[in-house]
Structures are given as C-alpha cells and as structure tokens.
Amino acid sequence: MELLELVEDPLDLENREAYYIGTLSPSLNVTDTKLSRNDVVKLRTEAETGAPLEDLCTKYNLTMKYLKEILRGGRWKS
C-alpha cells in the first residue's frame, strides 16, 4: 500500500481516487466490488422499493458514487 496524495477536502476523495485508478491502472483496488448479476438485481429491487441508498451502500460495500452509477445504468446495464 502506498499513499499517493493527502486530500484535505473529503468531497474531493472520490474524484482523486478515480483519477489515480484511471491514471495508474492498478492491478488491485481494495475498494473494488465484485457484484454478481443476482446482487445487482436485488440491489435495484431494493432501491426501487425505497430502501435508503446509504443502507444499500453499507449492505453491498459500495461507495455512493458507484451505487448511483449502477442505478442509472452506467455500470451493470444488463
């Protein structure tokens, strides 16, 4: 593990992480999730029935940004 940058503003964390992942293309990203198709179906169903997004992030070990990408179809389109 290596510190790449100290980010002062917590609102910048996801953007800076995305920058380094895109730039360095690490072989291991400890925040990466491995969701099955079944997990995504369950997640979307729970979201559609009104489950709080924060709870879904915790349950499926996702960042809010990643969860929103899944829900809008930016990831796991099928």
Protein backbone atom coordinates (compact mmCIF):
# COMPACT_ATOMS: atom_id res chain seq x y z
CA MET A 1 0.00 0.00 0.00
CA GLU A 2 1.24 3.46 -0.83
CA LEU A 3 -0.01 6.96 -0.03
CA LEU A 4 -0.37 8.81 -3.31
CA GLU A 5 -1.90 12.06 -2.15
CA LEU A 6 -3.23 13.61 1.02
CA VAL A 7 -6.65 15.02 0.18
CA GLU A 8 -7.76 17.76 2.52
CA ASP A 9 -11.37 18.11 1.36
CA PRO A 10 -13.43 14.91 1.84
CA LEU A 11 -15.66 15.97 -1.07
CA ASP A 12 -12.65 15.53 -3.40
CA LEU A 13 -11.84 11.96 -2.32
CA GLU A 14 -13.85 10.07 -4.94
CA ASN A 15 -12.62 12.30 -7.77
CA ARG A 16 -8.99 11.87 -6.74
CA GLU A 17 -9.43 8.11 -6.37
CA ALA A 18 -10.94 7.91 -9.85
CA TYR A 19 -8.04 9.96 -11.20
CA TYR A 20 -5.41 7.60 -9.78
CA ILE A 21 -7.28 4.47 -10.77
CA GLY A 22 -7.59 5.81 -14.32
CA THR A 23 -4.01 7.04 -14.49
CA LEU A 24 -2.18 4.18 -12.77
CA SER A 25 -4.49 1.28 -13.69
CA PRO A 26 -3.65 -0.63 -10.50
CA SER A 27 -3.96 -4.40 -10.59
CA LEU A 28 -5.60 -4.30 -7.17
CA ASN A 29 -8.11 -1.76 -5.98
CA VAL A 30 -9.19 -2.59 -2.44
CA THR A 31 -12.42 -0.63 -2.82
CA ASP A 32 -13.41 -2.61 -5.91
CA THR A 33 -16.52 -4.70 -5.51
CA LYS A 34 -17.42 -7.97 -7.12
CA LEU A 35 -21.17 -7.96 -7.51
CA SER A 36 -22.93 -10.84 -9.16
CA ARG A 37 -25.79 -10.27 -11.56
CA ASN A 38 -28.10 -11.55 -8.80
CA ASP A 39 -26.68 -8.96 -6.36
CA VAL A 40 -27.37 -6.18 -8.85
CA VAL A 41 -30.94 -7.36 -9.40
CA LYS A 42 -31.54 -7.44 -5.63
CA LEU A 43 -29.87 -4.05 -5.17
CA ARG A 44 -32.00 -2.42 -7.87
CA THR A 45 -35.17 -4.01 -6.50
CA GLU A 46 -34.40 -2.74 -3.00
CA ALA A 47 -33.68 0.75 -4.34
CA GLU A 48 -36.92 0.80 -6.34
CA THR A 49 -38.91 -0.18 -3.26
CA GLY A 50 -37.49 2.72 -1.29
CA ALA A 51 -34.53 1.31 0.63
CA PRO A 52 -32.27 4.17 1.77
CA LEU A 53 -29.25 4.46 -0.53
CA GLU A 54 -26.92 4.77 2.45
CA ASP A 55 -28.13 1.39 3.71
CA LEU A 56 -27.56 -0.17 0.29
CA CYS A 57 -24.02 1.21 0.20
CA THR A 58 -23.30 -0.44 3.52
CA LYS A 59 -25.02 -3.72 2.67
CA TYR A 60 -23.26 -4.14 -0.68
CA ASN A 61 -19.96 -2.46 0.29
CA LEU A 62 -20.28 0.32 -2.30
CA THR A 63 -19.49 3.99 -2.44
CA MET A 64 -22.48 6.24 -3.10
CA LYS A 65 -20.97 7.20 -6.45
CA TYR A 66 -20.65 3.56 -7.55
CA LEU A 67 -24.17 2.77 -6.37
CA LYS A 68 -25.62 5.69 -8.32
CA GLU A 69 -23.72 4.57 -11.44
CA ILE A 70 -25.27 1.11 -11.09
CA LEU A 71 -28.76 2.53 -10.58
CA ARG A 72 -28.56 4.84 -13.60
CA GLY A 73 -27.18 2.06 -15.81
CA GLY A 74 -23.62 3.37 -16.03
CA ARG A 75 -22.47 0.01 -14.70
CA TRP A 76 -24.19 -3.34 -14.94
CA LYS A 77 -26.54 -2.38 -17.76
CA SER A 78 -27.88 -5.90 -18.23
